[in-house]
């Protein structure tokens, strides 16, 4: 029994180490910064290139992780938990995207009903930030990375303050600040990861050719 618990603890630590490269942090930072920069510039479609850069980072991520940490086959229980995490992430991201699309169409065409217009003015940022914070908190629980809880609280707080500052045309400041803090943290974690896990000699030789 003790041996099984020790193996589970080791597996959990190994699994969590796959999220200690900082690239997921940078991914989230780019999305938050993209939203904040679109608020500053007034260009709603600025999110698209920022999101594209974020996705490209994740696509490039295996080239950084695998040569340094190798491949580990996790238990069936861990694999099922990972699949559940992906399904939950997909559902929440899809619902968030659809919600944002509906609001964008309503307000860009000036067809939003008065009650929705009033609700948006008072609660939209807090609600939208709450949805994102819940998603990040669920991810933190599933992968066992404590700093994601900090990001969840930071993002929710940023959106709440954004709603408060909206009448003063300074609503972008908390969003940009939260994104910048996440970007700095992600860059620092990535730098530490690269120093802690340098490329093996074979990978260095192939990279130099």
N, C-alpha and C. Protein backbone atom coordinates (compact mmCIF):
# COMPACT_ATOMS: atom_id res chain seq x y z
N UNK A 1 0.83 -1.20 0.00
CA UNK A 1 0.00 0.00 0.00
C UNK A 1 0.86 1.26 0.00
N UNK A 2 1.88 1.26 0.89
CA UNK A 2 2.79 2.41 0.97
C UNK A 2 3.56 2.59 -0.33
N UNK A 3 3.95 1.45 -0.93
CA UNK A 3 4.69 1.51 -2.19
C UNK A 3 3.85 2.13 -3.29
N UNK A 4 2.56 1.75 -3.34
CA UNK A 4 1.66 2.31 -4.35
C UNK A 4 1.49 3.81 -4.16
N UNK A 5 1.38 4.24 -2.90
CA UNK A 5 1.23 5.68 -2.61
C UNK A 5 2.49 6.43 -3.01
N UNK A 6 3.67 5.83 -2.74
CA UNK A 6 4.92 6.48 -3.13
C UNK A 6 5.04 6.60 -4.64
N UNK A 7 4.61 5.55 -5.34
CA UNK A 7 4.66 5.58 -6.81
C UNK A 7 3.73 6.65 -7.36
N UNK A 8 2.55 6.80 -6.72
CA UNK A 8 1.61 7.83 -7.15
C UNK A 8 2.17 9.22 -6.91
N UNK A 9 2.85 9.40 -5.77
CA UNK A 9 3.47 10.69 -5.46
C UNK A 9 4.57 11.01 -6.48
N UNK A 10 5.37 10.01 -6.81
CA UNK A 10 6.44 10.21 -7.78
C UNK A 10 5.86 10.55 -9.15
N UNK A 11 4.81 9.81 -9.54
CA UNK A 11 4.17 10.06 -10.83
C UNK A 11 3.59 11.48 -10.87
N UNK A 12 2.97 11.90 -9.76
CA UNK A 12 2.39 13.23 -9.69
C UNK A 12 3.46 14.31 -9.86
N UNK A 13 4.62 14.10 -9.20
CA UNK A 13 5.71 15.07 -9.32
C UNK A 13 6.27 15.11 -10.73
N UNK A 14 6.41 13.94 -11.35
CA UNK A 14 6.91 13.88 -12.73
C UNK A 14 5.93 14.55 -13.67
N UNK A 15 4.63 14.28 -13.47
CA UNK A 15 3.60 14.88 -14.32
C UNK A 15 3.61 16.40 -14.18
N UNK A 16 3.73 16.89 -12.93
CA UNK A 16 3.76 18.34 -12.70
C UNK A 16 4.99 18.98 -13.31
N UNK A 17 6.10 18.23 -13.37
CA UNK A 17 7.33 18.79 -13.93
C UNK A 17 7.18 19.13 -15.41
N UNK A 18 6.23 18.48 -16.09
CA UNK A 18 5.99 18.77 -17.50
C UNK A 18 5.31 20.12 -17.69
N UNK A 19 4.92 20.76 -16.59
CA UNK A 19 4.31 22.09 -16.67
C UNK A 19 5.20 23.15 -16.03
N UNK A 20 6.45 22.79 -15.77
CA UNK A 20 7.38 23.72 -15.14
C UNK A 20 8.33 24.37 -16.14
N UNK A 21 7.90 24.42 -17.40
CA UNK A 21 8.74 25.05 -18.43
C UNK A 21 8.36 26.51 -18.66
N UNK A 22 7.18 26.93 -18.18
CA UNK A 22 6.76 28.32 -18.30
C UNK A 22 6.05 28.67 -19.59
N UNK A 23 5.98 27.75 -20.54
CA UNK A 23 5.37 28.07 -21.83
C UNK A 23 3.85 28.20 -21.73
N UNK A 24 3.21 27.41 -20.86
CA UNK A 24 1.78 27.59 -20.65
C UNK A 24 1.51 28.95 -20.00
N UNK A 25 2.40 29.39 -19.15
CA UNK A 25 2.27 30.71 -18.52
C UNK A 25 2.35 31.81 -19.57
N UNK A 26 3.33 31.66 -20.48
CA UNK A 26 3.50 32.64 -21.55
C UNK A 26 2.30 32.61 -22.50
N UNK A 27 1.78 31.41 -22.75
CA UNK A 27 0.59 31.26 -23.59
C UNK A 27 -0.57 32.08 -23.03
N UNK A 28 -0.86 31.89 -21.74
CA UNK A 28 -1.93 32.65 -21.10
C UNK A 28 -1.66 34.14 -21.08
N UNK A 29 -0.39 34.51 -20.88
CA UNK A 29 -0.02 35.93 -20.86
C UNK A 29 -0.29 36.59 -22.20
N UNK A 30 0.02 35.91 -23.29
CA UNK A 30 -0.22 36.47 -24.63
C UNK A 30 -1.72 36.68 -24.87
N UNK A 31 -2.54 35.76 -24.41
CA UNK A 31 -3.99 35.90 -24.59
C UNK A 31 -4.51 37.10 -23.79
N UNK A 32 -4.06 37.22 -22.54
CA UNK A 32 -4.49 38.33 -21.70
C UNK A 32 -4.00 39.66 -22.28
N UNK A 33 -2.72 39.70 -22.68
CA UNK A 33 -2.17 40.92 -23.26
C UNK A 33 -2.87 41.29 -24.57
N UNK A 34 -3.21 40.27 -25.36
CA UNK A 34 -3.93 40.54 -26.60
C UNK A 34 -5.27 41.21 -26.35
N UNK A 35 -5.97 40.75 -25.32
CA UNK A 35 -7.25 41.35 -24.95
C UNK A 35 -7.05 42.78 -24.47
N UNK A 36 -6.01 42.98 -23.64
CA UNK A 36 -5.74 44.32 -23.13
C UNK A 36 -5.32 45.29 -24.22
N UNK A 37 -4.47 44.84 -25.13
CA UNK A 37 -4.01 45.70 -26.22
C UNK A 37 -5.15 46.03 -27.19
N UNK A 38 -6.08 45.11 -27.37
CA UNK A 38 -7.23 45.40 -28.22
C UNK A 38 -8.12 46.47 -27.59
N UNK A 39 -8.15 46.50 -26.24
CA UNK A 39 -8.91 47.54 -25.55
C UNK A 39 -8.25 48.90 -25.72
N UNK A 40 -6.91 48.92 -25.67
CA UNK A 40 -6.17 50.18 -25.81
C UNK A 40 -6.30 50.73 -27.22
N UNK A 41 -6.07 49.86 -28.21
CA UNK A 41 -6.03 50.29 -29.61
C UNK A 41 -7.40 50.42 -30.25
N UNK A 42 -8.39 49.71 -29.70
CA UNK A 42 -9.70 49.71 -30.32
C UNK A 42 -9.81 48.73 -31.47
N UNK A 43 -8.74 47.97 -31.72
CA UNK A 43 -8.74 46.97 -32.79
C UNK A 43 -9.15 45.62 -32.19
N UNK A 44 -10.40 45.25 -32.39
CA UNK A 44 -10.91 44.02 -31.79
C UNK A 44 -10.20 42.78 -32.31
N UNK A 45 -9.70 42.85 -33.54
CA UNK A 45 -9.09 41.67 -34.15
C UNK A 45 -7.61 41.52 -33.81
N UNK A 46 -7.10 42.39 -32.92
CA UNK A 46 -5.72 42.27 -32.49
C UNK A 46 -5.49 40.98 -31.71
N UNK A 47 -6.58 40.42 -31.16
CA UNK A 47 -6.49 39.15 -30.43
C UNK A 47 -6.02 38.02 -31.34
N UNK A 48 -6.34 38.11 -32.63
CA UNK A 48 -6.03 37.00 -33.55
C UNK A 48 -4.52 36.79 -33.68
N UNK A 49 -3.71 37.83 -34.00
CA UNK A 49 -2.26 37.57 -34.09
C UNK A 49 -1.64 37.18 -32.75
N UNK A 50 -2.15 37.76 -31.65
CA UNK A 50 -1.62 37.40 -30.33
C UNK A 50 -1.93 35.94 -30.00
N UNK A 51 -3.15 35.51 -30.31
CA UNK A 51 -3.53 34.12 -30.07
C UNK A 51 -2.74 33.18 -30.97
N UNK A 52 -2.45 33.64 -32.20
CA UNK A 52 -1.68 32.82 -33.14
C UNK A 52 -0.27 32.58 -32.61
N UNK A 53 0.36 33.64 -32.09
CA UNK A 53 1.70 33.51 -31.50
C UNK A 53 1.67 32.56 -30.32
N UNK A 54 0.62 32.67 -29.48
CA UNK A 54 0.49 31.80 -28.31
C UNK A 54 0.37 30.34 -28.72
N UNK A 55 -0.45 30.08 -29.74
CA UNK A 55 -0.64 28.70 -30.20
C UNK A 55 0.66 28.16 -30.81
N UNK A 56 1.39 29.00 -31.55
CA UNK A 56 2.66 28.58 -32.14
C UNK A 56 3.66 28.18 -31.05
N UNK A 57 3.63 28.90 -29.94
CA UNK A 57 4.51 28.56 -28.81
C UNK A 57 4.20 27.15 -28.29
N UNK A 58 2.91 26.84 -28.16
CA UNK A 58 2.52 25.52 -27.66
C UNK A 58 2.86 24.43 -28.66
N UNK A 59 2.74 24.72 -29.96
CA UNK A 59 3.10 23.74 -30.97
C UNK A 59 4.60 23.47 -30.96
N UNK A 60 5.38 24.50 -30.61
CA UNK A 60 6.84 24.36 -30.55
C UNK A 60 7.28 23.74 -29.22
N UNK A 61 6.39 23.70 -28.24
CA UNK A 61 6.72 23.25 -26.89
C UNK A 61 7.33 21.85 -26.83
N UNK A 62 6.80 20.85 -27.56
CA UNK A 62 7.40 19.50 -27.49
C UNK A 62 8.88 19.47 -27.87
N UNK A 63 9.31 20.38 -28.75
CA UNK A 63 10.72 20.41 -29.15
C UNK A 63 11.62 20.86 -28.00
N UNK A 64 11.02 21.57 -27.05
CA UNK A 64 11.78 22.02 -25.88
C UNK A 64 11.72 20.99 -24.77
N UNK A 65 10.55 20.38 -24.58
CA UNK A 65 10.33 19.48 -23.45
C UNK A 65 10.93 18.10 -23.67
N UNK A 66 10.61 17.46 -24.77
CA UNK A 66 10.98 16.06 -24.99
C UNK A 66 12.49 15.80 -24.95
N UNK A 67 13.31 16.62 -25.61
CA UNK A 67 14.76 16.34 -25.55
C UNK A 67 15.33 16.46 -24.14
N UNK A 68 14.67 17.24 -23.29
CA UNK A 68 15.21 17.49 -21.94
C UNK A 68 14.64 16.54 -20.89
N UNK A 69 13.35 16.21 -21.00
CA UNK A 69 12.71 15.36 -20.00
C UNK A 69 12.40 13.96 -20.51
N UNK A 70 12.44 13.78 -21.84
CA UNK A 70 12.13 12.48 -22.41
C UNK A 70 10.64 12.21 -22.38
N UNK A 71 10.27 10.99 -22.71
CA UNK A 71 8.88 10.57 -22.71
C UNK A 71 8.62 9.64 -21.53
N UNK A 72 7.52 9.88 -20.83
CA UNK A 72 7.14 9.05 -19.70
C UNK A 72 5.73 8.52 -19.94
N UNK A 73 5.55 7.20 -19.77
CA UNK A 73 4.23 6.60 -19.92
C UNK A 73 3.56 6.57 -18.55
N UNK A 74 2.52 7.38 -18.40
CA UNK A 74 1.84 7.48 -17.12
C UNK A 74 0.80 6.36 -16.96
N UNK A 75 0.33 6.19 -15.76
CA UNK A 75 -0.66 5.15 -15.46
C UNK A 75 -1.98 5.45 -16.16
N UNK A 76 -2.82 4.42 -16.25
CA UNK A 76 -4.14 4.58 -16.87
C UNK A 76 -4.95 5.65 -16.13
N UNK A 77 -4.85 5.64 -14.81
CA UNK A 77 -5.58 6.63 -14.00
C UNK A 77 -5.16 8.05 -14.36
N UNK A 78 -3.86 8.27 -14.51
CA UNK A 78 -3.36 9.60 -14.87
C UNK A 78 -3.76 9.97 -16.29
N UNK A 79 -3.73 9.00 -17.19
CA UNK A 79 -4.12 9.28 -18.58
C UNK A 79 -5.60 9.66 -18.67
N UNK A 80 -6.45 8.96 -17.88
CA UNK A 80 -7.87 9.29 -17.86
C UNK A 80 -8.08 10.70 -17.30
N UNK A 81 -7.34 11.02 -16.24
CA UNK A 81 -7.44 12.35 -15.64
C UNK A 81 -7.02 13.43 -16.63
N UNK A 82 -5.98 13.15 -17.42
CA UNK A 82 -5.52 14.11 -18.42
C UNK A 82 -6.57 14.31 -19.51
N UNK A 83 -7.20 13.20 -19.93
CA UNK A 83 -8.26 13.31 -20.95
C UNK A 83 -9.43 14.13 -20.43
N UNK A 84 -9.79 13.92 -19.17
CA UNK A 84 -10.87 14.70 -18.57
C UNK A 84 -10.51 16.19 -18.54
N UNK A 85 -9.24 16.48 -18.24
CA UNK A 85 -8.79 17.87 -18.21
C UNK A 85 -8.93 18.51 -19.58
N UNK A 86 -8.57 17.77 -20.63
CA UNK A 86 -8.68 18.29 -21.98
C UNK A 86 -10.13 18.53 -22.37
N UNK A 87 -11.02 17.60 -21.98
CA UNK A 87 -12.44 17.75 -22.31
C UNK A 87 -13.02 18.97 -21.60
N UNK A 88 -12.70 19.11 -20.30
CA UNK A 88 -13.19 20.25 -19.53
C UNK A 88 -12.66 21.56 -20.12
N UNK A 89 -11.37 21.57 -20.47
CA UNK A 89 -10.77 22.77 -21.07
C UNK A 89 -11.45 23.12 -22.39
N UNK A 90 -11.72 22.09 -23.20
CA UNK A 90 -12.37 22.32 -24.49
C UNK A 90 -13.77 22.91 -24.30
N UNK A 91 -14.54 22.34 -23.37
CA UNK A 91 -15.91 22.82 -23.13
C UNK A 91 -15.91 24.26 -22.65
N UNK A 92 -15.04 24.57 -21.67
CA UNK A 92 -15.02 25.92 -21.11
C UNK A 92 -14.53 26.93 -22.14
N UNK A 93 -13.47 26.58 -22.88
CA UNK A 93 -12.96 27.50 -23.90
C UNK A 93 -13.99 27.72 -25.01
N UNK A 94 -14.68 26.65 -25.41
CA UNK A 94 -15.70 26.78 -26.45
C UNK A 94 -16.85 27.66 -25.99
N UNK A 95 -17.33 27.43 -24.77
CA UNK A 95 -18.43 28.24 -24.23
C UNK A 95 -18.01 29.70 -24.08
N UNK A 96 -16.77 29.93 -23.62
CA UNK A 96 -16.27 31.29 -23.48
C UNK A 96 -16.18 31.98 -24.84
N UNK A 97 -15.66 31.26 -25.83
CA UNK A 97 -15.53 31.83 -27.18
C UNK A 97 -16.91 32.14 -27.77
N UNK A 98 -17.87 31.22 -27.60
CA UNK A 98 -19.21 31.45 -28.13
C UNK A 98 -19.89 32.62 -27.43
N UNK A 99 -19.68 32.72 -26.11
CA UNK A 99 -20.24 33.83 -25.35
C UNK A 99 -19.67 35.16 -25.84
N UNK A 100 -18.35 35.18 -26.03
CA UNK A 100 -17.71 36.40 -26.53
C UNK A 100 -18.18 36.75 -27.93
N UNK A 101 -18.39 35.74 -28.79
CA UNK A 101 -18.85 35.97 -30.16
C UNK A 101 -20.26 36.55 -30.16
N UNK A 102 -21.13 36.00 -29.31
CA UNK A 102 -22.51 36.50 -29.23
C UNK A 102 -22.52 37.96 -28.80
N UNK A 103 -21.74 38.28 -27.75
CA UNK A 103 -21.70 39.67 -27.29
C UNK A 103 -21.12 40.60 -28.35
N UNK A 104 -20.09 40.12 -29.07
CA UNK A 104 -19.48 40.94 -30.11
C UNK A 104 -20.49 41.26 -31.22
N UNK A 105 -21.26 40.25 -31.64
CA UNK A 105 -22.25 40.46 -32.71
C UNK A 105 -23.36 41.41 -32.24
N UNK A 106 -23.83 41.22 -31.00
CA UNK A 106 -24.90 42.06 -30.48
C UNK A 106 -24.51 43.53 -30.40
N UNK A 107 -23.29 43.76 -29.91
CA UNK A 107 -22.90 45.15 -29.68
C UNK A 107 -22.29 45.81 -30.91
N UNK A 108 -21.72 45.03 -31.82
CA UNK A 108 -21.22 45.62 -33.06
C UNK A 108 -22.36 45.99 -34.00
N UNK A 109 -23.51 45.32 -33.84
CA UNK A 109 -24.68 45.61 -34.68
C UNK A 109 -25.73 46.44 -33.93
N UNK A 110 -25.41 46.82 -32.68
CA UNK A 110 -26.32 47.63 -31.85
C UNK A 110 -27.71 46.99 -31.72
N UNK A 111 -27.71 45.68 -31.56
CA UNK A 111 -28.99 44.96 -31.43
C UNK A 111 -29.18 44.39 -30.03
N UNK A 112 -28.32 44.75 -29.11
CA UNK A 112 -28.44 44.22 -27.75
C UNK A 112 -29.63 44.85 -27.05
N UNK A 113 -30.44 44.06 -26.35
CA UNK A 113 -31.56 44.64 -25.60
C UNK A 113 -31.05 45.51 -24.45
N UNK A 114 -31.91 46.39 -23.97
CA UNK A 114 -31.50 47.35 -22.94
C UNK A 114 -31.03 46.67 -21.66
N UNK A 115 -31.74 45.60 -21.26
CA UNK A 115 -31.35 44.93 -20.01
C UNK A 115 -29.95 44.32 -20.12
N UNK A 116 -29.63 43.79 -21.33
CA UNK A 116 -28.31 43.20 -21.52
C UNK A 116 -27.25 44.29 -21.57
N UNK A 117 -27.61 45.42 -22.16
CA UNK A 117 -26.68 46.55 -22.21
C UNK A 117 -26.34 47.01 -20.79
N UNK A 118 -27.34 47.09 -19.93
CA UNK A 118 -27.11 47.50 -18.53
C UNK A 118 -26.29 46.45 -17.78
N UNK A 119 -26.60 45.18 -18.03
CA UNK A 119 -25.85 44.11 -17.36
C UNK A 119 -24.39 44.13 -17.77
N UNK A 120 -24.13 44.34 -19.06
CA UNK A 120 -22.76 44.41 -19.56
C UNK A 120 -22.00 45.55 -18.90
N UNK A 121 -22.67 46.68 -18.75
CA UNK A 121 -22.01 47.85 -18.16
C UNK A 121 -21.60 47.59 -16.71
N UNK A 122 -22.36 46.74 -16.01
CA UNK A 122 -22.10 46.54 -14.58
C UNK A 122 -21.33 45.27 -14.24
N UNK A 123 -21.58 44.19 -14.98
CA UNK A 123 -21.08 42.89 -14.53
C UNK A 123 -20.28 42.10 -15.56
N UNK A 124 -20.18 42.58 -16.79
CA UNK A 124 -19.57 41.75 -17.82
C UNK A 124 -18.14 41.35 -17.48
N UNK A 125 -17.31 42.32 -17.11
CA UNK A 125 -15.89 42.03 -16.87
C UNK A 125 -15.71 41.08 -15.70
N UNK A 126 -16.49 41.27 -14.64
CA UNK A 126 -16.38 40.37 -13.48
C UNK A 126 -16.81 38.96 -13.86
N UNK A 127 -17.88 38.84 -14.66
CA UNK A 127 -18.36 37.52 -15.07
C UNK A 127 -17.38 36.85 -16.02
N UNK A 128 -16.87 37.61 -16.97
CA UNK A 128 -15.93 37.07 -17.95
C UNK A 128 -14.63 36.65 -17.26
N UNK A 129 -14.15 37.48 -16.33
CA UNK A 129 -12.96 37.13 -15.57
C UNK A 129 -13.19 35.94 -14.68
N UNK A 130 -14.42 35.81 -14.13
CA UNK A 130 -14.75 34.67 -13.29
C UNK A 130 -14.71 33.36 -14.07
N UNK A 131 -15.20 33.40 -15.31
CA UNK A 131 -15.18 32.19 -16.16
C UNK A 131 -13.74 31.77 -16.42
N UNK A 132 -12.89 32.74 -16.77
CA UNK A 132 -11.49 32.41 -17.02
C UNK A 132 -10.80 31.90 -15.76
N UNK A 133 -11.10 32.53 -14.63
CA UNK A 133 -10.48 32.12 -13.37
C UNK A 133 -10.88 30.69 -12.99
N UNK A 134 -12.14 30.34 -13.22
CA UNK A 134 -12.61 28.98 -12.93
C UNK A 134 -11.87 27.97 -13.79
N UNK A 135 -11.71 28.28 -15.07
CA UNK A 135 -11.00 27.40 -15.99
C UNK A 135 -9.56 27.17 -15.52
N UNK A 136 -8.88 28.25 -15.15
CA UNK A 136 -7.49 28.14 -14.71
C UNK A 136 -7.39 27.39 -13.39
N UNK A 137 -8.34 27.61 -12.49
CA UNK A 137 -8.33 26.91 -11.20
C UNK A 137 -8.55 25.41 -11.41
N UNK A 138 -9.44 25.04 -12.33
CA UNK A 138 -9.67 23.62 -12.63
C UNK A 138 -8.40 23.01 -13.20
N UNK A 139 -7.75 23.74 -14.10
CA UNK A 139 -6.49 23.26 -14.68
C UNK A 139 -5.43 23.09 -13.58
N UNK A 140 -5.38 24.03 -12.63
CA UNK A 140 -4.42 23.95 -11.53
C UNK A 140 -4.65 22.70 -10.69
N UNK A 141 -5.91 22.38 -10.44
CA UNK A 141 -6.25 21.20 -9.65
C UNK A 141 -5.88 19.92 -10.39
N UNK A 142 -6.17 19.87 -11.68
CA UNK A 142 -5.95 18.65 -12.45
C UNK A 142 -4.47 18.36 -12.68
N UNK A 143 -3.67 19.39 -12.90
CA UNK A 143 -2.25 19.17 -13.18
C UNK A 143 -1.38 19.33 -11.94
N UNK A 144 -1.95 19.86 -10.85
CA UNK A 144 -1.20 19.98 -9.61
C UNK A 144 -0.14 21.06 -9.61
N UNK A 145 -0.41 22.16 -10.29
CA UNK A 145 0.56 23.28 -10.34
C UNK A 145 -0.04 24.44 -9.55
N UNK A 146 0.55 24.76 -8.41
CA UNK A 146 -0.05 25.73 -7.48
C UNK A 146 -0.07 27.14 -8.04
N UNK A 147 0.89 27.51 -8.87
CA UNK A 147 0.94 28.90 -9.34
C UNK A 147 -0.24 29.24 -10.26
N UNK A 148 -0.89 28.22 -10.83
CA UNK A 148 -2.07 28.48 -11.66
C UNK A 148 -3.21 29.03 -10.81
N UNK A 149 -3.27 28.64 -9.53
CA UNK A 149 -4.26 29.23 -8.63
C UNK A 149 -4.00 30.73 -8.47
N UNK A 150 -2.72 31.09 -8.38
CA UNK A 150 -2.35 32.51 -8.27
C UNK A 150 -2.78 33.26 -9.52
N UNK A 151 -2.57 32.64 -10.69
CA UNK A 151 -2.99 33.27 -11.95
C UNK A 151 -4.50 33.44 -11.98
N UNK A 152 -5.23 32.44 -11.51
CA UNK A 152 -6.70 32.52 -11.50
C UNK A 152 -7.16 33.71 -10.65
N UNK A 153 -6.58 33.85 -9.46
CA UNK A 153 -6.95 34.97 -8.58
C UNK A 153 -6.53 36.31 -9.20
N UNK A 154 -5.34 36.34 -9.81
CA UNK A 154 -4.83 37.57 -10.43
C UNK A 154 -5.74 38.02 -11.57
N UNK A 155 -6.13 37.09 -12.43
CA UNK A 155 -6.98 37.43 -13.58
C UNK A 155 -8.36 37.87 -13.13
N UNK A 156 -8.93 37.17 -12.17
CA UNK A 156 -10.26 37.56 -11.68
C UNK A 156 -10.21 38.96 -11.08
N UNK A 157 -9.19 39.22 -10.27
CA UNK A 157 -9.04 40.54 -9.66
C UNK A 157 -8.85 41.62 -10.72
N UNK A 158 -8.07 41.31 -11.75
CA UNK A 158 -7.82 42.28 -12.82
C UNK A 158 -9.12 42.65 -13.54
N UNK A 159 -9.96 41.66 -13.81
CA UNK A 159 -11.22 41.94 -14.50
C UNK A 159 -12.20 42.69 -13.62
N UNK A 160 -12.21 42.39 -12.33
CA UNK A 160 -13.09 43.13 -11.41
C UNK A 160 -12.69 44.60 -11.37
N UNK A 161 -11.38 44.86 -11.24
CA UNK A 161 -10.89 46.25 -11.22
C UNK A 161 -11.14 46.92 -12.57
N UNK A 162 -11.06 46.13 -13.65
CA UNK A 162 -11.36 46.67 -14.98
C UNK A 162 -12.78 47.22 -15.04
N UNK A 163 -13.73 46.47 -14.48
CA UNK A 163 -15.11 46.95 -14.45
C UNK A 163 -15.27 48.22 -13.64
N UNK A 164 -14.49 48.35 -12.56
CA UNK A 164 -14.55 49.55 -11.73
C UNK A 164 -13.98 50.75 -12.47
N UNK A 165 -12.88 50.53 -13.23
CA UNK A 165 -12.20 51.63 -13.93
C UNK A 165 -12.83 51.97 -15.27
N UNK A 166 -13.80 51.18 -15.71
CA UNK A 166 -14.38 51.40 -17.03
C UNK A 166 -14.92 52.82 -17.23
N UNK A 167 -15.63 53.41 -16.24
CA UNK A 167 -16.15 54.78 -16.46
C UNK A 167 -15.04 55.83 -16.63
N UNK A 168 -13.82 55.50 -16.22
CA UNK A 168 -12.71 56.46 -16.29
C UNK A 168 -11.79 56.21 -17.49
N UNK A 169 -12.21 55.30 -18.39
CA UNK A 169 -11.44 54.97 -19.60
C UNK A 169 -10.03 54.46 -19.26
N UNK A 170 -9.91 53.73 -18.15
CA UNK A 170 -8.62 53.15 -17.77
C UNK A 170 -8.75 51.65 -17.55
N UNK A 171 -9.77 51.06 -18.18
CA UNK A 171 -10.06 49.65 -17.92
C UNK A 171 -8.99 48.70 -18.42
N UNK A 172 -8.16 49.17 -19.35
CA UNK A 172 -7.12 48.29 -19.92
C UNK A 172 -5.93 48.10 -18.98
N UNK A 173 -5.75 49.00 -18.01
CA UNK A 173 -4.55 48.96 -17.16
C UNK A 173 -4.44 47.66 -16.36
N UNK A 174 -5.49 47.22 -15.63
CA UNK A 174 -5.36 45.96 -14.87
C UNK A 174 -5.11 44.75 -15.77
N UNK A 175 -5.73 44.72 -16.96
CA UNK A 175 -5.55 43.60 -17.87
C UNK A 175 -4.11 43.54 -18.35
N UNK A 176 -3.57 44.69 -18.77
CA UNK A 176 -2.18 44.72 -19.24
C UNK A 176 -1.22 44.38 -18.11
N UNK A 177 -1.52 44.84 -16.90
CA UNK A 177 -0.65 44.55 -15.75
C UNK A 177 -0.64 43.07 -15.43
N UNK A 178 -1.83 42.44 -15.43
CA UNK A 178 -1.92 41.00 -15.16
C UNK A 178 -1.18 40.20 -16.23
N UNK A 179 -1.39 40.56 -17.51
CA UNK A 179 -0.70 39.87 -18.59
C UNK A 179 0.80 40.02 -18.52
N UNK A 180 1.25 41.23 -18.16
CA UNK A 180 2.70 41.49 -18.06
C UNK A 180 3.32 40.68 -16.93
N UNK A 181 2.63 40.61 -15.78
CA UNK A 181 3.14 39.82 -14.65
C UNK A 181 3.24 38.34 -15.02
N UNK A 182 2.23 37.83 -15.72
CA UNK A 182 2.27 36.43 -16.15
C UNK A 182 3.39 36.19 -17.15
N UNK A 183 3.61 37.16 -18.05
CA UNK A 183 4.67 37.03 -19.05
C UNK A 183 6.04 37.02 -18.38
N UNK A 184 6.24 37.91 -17.42
CA UNK A 184 7.52 37.96 -16.69
C UNK A 184 7.75 36.67 -15.93
N UNK A 185 6.69 36.19 -15.25
CA UNK A 185 6.81 34.93 -14.50
C UNK A 185 7.11 33.76 -15.43
N UNK A 186 6.41 33.70 -16.56
CA UNK A 186 6.63 32.62 -17.52
C UNK A 186 8.04 32.64 -18.10
N UNK A 187 8.53 33.84 -18.43
CA UNK A 187 9.88 33.95 -18.97
C UNK A 187 10.93 33.54 -17.94
N UNK A 188 10.70 33.91 -16.67
CA UNK A 188 11.64 33.52 -15.61
C UNK A 188 11.63 32.01 -15.40
N UNK A 189 10.43 31.41 -15.41
CA UNK A 189 10.32 29.96 -15.24
C UNK A 189 10.96 29.23 -16.40
N UNK A 190 10.76 29.73 -17.63
CA UNK A 190 11.36 29.11 -18.81
C UNK A 190 12.87 29.19 -18.75
N UNK A 191 13.41 30.33 -18.33
CA UNK A 191 14.86 30.49 -18.21
C UNK A 191 15.43 29.51 -17.19
N UNK A 192 14.76 29.38 -16.05
CA UNK A 192 15.21 28.43 -15.02
C UNK A 192 15.14 26.99 -15.52
N UNK A 193 14.07 26.68 -16.28
CA UNK A 193 13.90 25.33 -16.82
C UNK A 193 15.03 24.99 -17.79
N UNK A 194 15.36 25.92 -18.67
CA UNK A 194 16.42 25.68 -19.66
C UNK A 194 17.78 25.50 -18.99
N UNK A 195 18.00 26.21 -17.89
CA UNK A 195 19.27 26.07 -17.16
C UNK A 195 19.32 24.76 -16.38
N UNK A 196 18.17 24.37 -15.82
CA UNK A 196 18.12 23.15 -15.02
C UNK A 196 18.20 21.90 -15.88
N UNK A 197 17.61 21.97 -17.07
CA UNK A 197 17.58 20.81 -17.98
C UNK A 197 18.21 21.18 -19.33
N UNK A 198 19.53 21.25 -19.39
CA UNK A 198 20.19 21.56 -20.67
C UNK A 198 20.02 20.41 -21.66
N UNK A 199 20.21 20.73 -22.92
CA UNK A 199 20.11 19.69 -23.94
C UNK A 199 21.20 18.65 -23.77
N UNK A 200 20.88 17.36 -23.97
CA UNK A 200 21.92 16.31 -23.94
C UNK A 200 22.94 16.55 -25.05
N UNK A 201 24.14 15.99 -24.92
CA UNK A 201 25.19 16.19 -25.92
C UNK A 201 24.75 15.84 -27.36
N UNK A 202 23.96 14.77 -27.51
CA UNK A 202 23.52 14.36 -28.84
C UNK A 202 22.63 15.42 -29.46
N UNK A 203 21.76 16.00 -28.64
CA UNK A 203 20.86 17.04 -29.15
C UNK A 203 21.63 18.29 -29.51
N UNK A 204 22.68 18.60 -28.74
CA UNK A 204 23.50 19.77 -29.05
C UNK A 204 24.23 19.59 -30.35
N UNK A 205 24.74 18.36 -30.57
CA UNK A 205 25.46 18.08 -31.83
C UNK A 205 24.55 18.20 -33.03
N UNK A 206 23.31 17.65 -32.92
CA UNK A 206 22.38 17.71 -34.04
C UNK A 206 21.89 19.12 -34.29
N UNK A 207 21.77 19.91 -33.20
CA UNK A 207 21.31 21.29 -33.35
C UNK A 207 22.36 22.18 -34.01
N UNK A 208 23.64 21.85 -33.80
CA UNK A 208 24.70 22.68 -34.35
C UNK A 208 24.95 22.38 -35.83
N UNK A 209 24.43 21.26 -36.34
CA UNK A 209 24.64 20.90 -37.74
C UNK A 209 23.64 21.59 -38.64
